[in-house]
Amino acid sequence: FFQTTLIAVKNWFTLFGWSKGQNPISVPYSLRSDVCKVQMTSSQEKIFKQNLGKDTKTIYDMLFHLSGQLLPGVTSSQSLPLDPVERMLQLHWQHSTLLAFLKSQGAYLPHVMPEFLLEPDDYKKWIKMQTVLKVDVKNSDIFSDEHLFILEDSIFETMSKRAWTDVLLQVYKVFVLPRVSSRNITDLFGLESVQNMPRIKSEPLASNIYSPYELTILTWLNKHYENNRKTVWKDCQKGEVPPMRWIVNFDRDLLDGLVLAAQLAAYCPYLIATHFVRMYTNPRTPEQFLHNCLILVNAMHAVSLAIDIKV
């Protein structure tokens, strides 16, 4: 599940996260290294400067494109010290600033420490420095055990990949998902066929799992499924019209492909006769679930909607 989520995140940000077209990323490797790409500006100054040419883009460029805001204290021409330790501290501060900025916008990242976003070598320098400081300042709360996680190399890579993925997911949540309009939310259940369905409230405190924007999407899924299920599968070949259902999550309720097929049929009704009538309307076995999902993927390919979705 995590690998599937990572691939989806990587694909979306590669395609839509940048101001001038696609920019392939890898998680966490390019995100970590791009903020570290530096070049010597002057032997007298003894500093490195980020090589921000037209082919080099950083997480800060992505944030500016998606939010229209610059990271406080960090500029596109940020200079990094030549000394490896000072440079590591500078990057740690930048990552701390990044996390603080996202949290101020509503991101939920209590489990992500700035050091998890560093390169492996910089992480080792950070741990070494903190260990030395703890010896010198034994009674300081700043350097207590609860704030220091010493991870093996392989575990650090796993943690770093998860941390960067969660950062991107929260970037999407606070800067992209709010663009979902709720102006017509009261009209979604205006049709007679869905008036008797339970409502999904989109108020901020209506759910401790989903944001108001995600609740709006769930309402949209409910509306189209209930409005279209009798039309899409009135002539189905593998069962009767599927029953009414209340869609309350984005995993279990979408597993059989029927809900997503109903959404696609609402905008591309010509796919009903060519694809959706062949779906199982009451799938029970893994093979039937796979059958439905393969038909859905083929339908998405037919309208060029699939973003790196493979059969």
Foldseek 3Di string as FASTA:
>chain_A
DVVVLLVVLQLCCQAPQADPGGQHDDFPPLQQCLVVQWDDDDPVVQWTWRPPDPNGDYPQRSLCVLAVDGQPPDDPGDIAHNDLLRRLVVQLVVLVSLVVVLVVLPFDQPPAHSLLQHDPVSNVSVLVVLVVVCVVCVPDPVSDPVVDDDDDPVVSSVSSRVNVSSSSVSSCVRRPLVVQDCPCLVVLQVDPQRVPPDQQDLDQPSDPPDHSSVSSVQSNLLSQLSVCQCPLAVPADADHRADRDRRDDDPPVPQQVSSVVSVVCVVVVVLSVVFVSDAHRDDDDPVNSVNNVVSVVVVCVVVVNDSPDDD
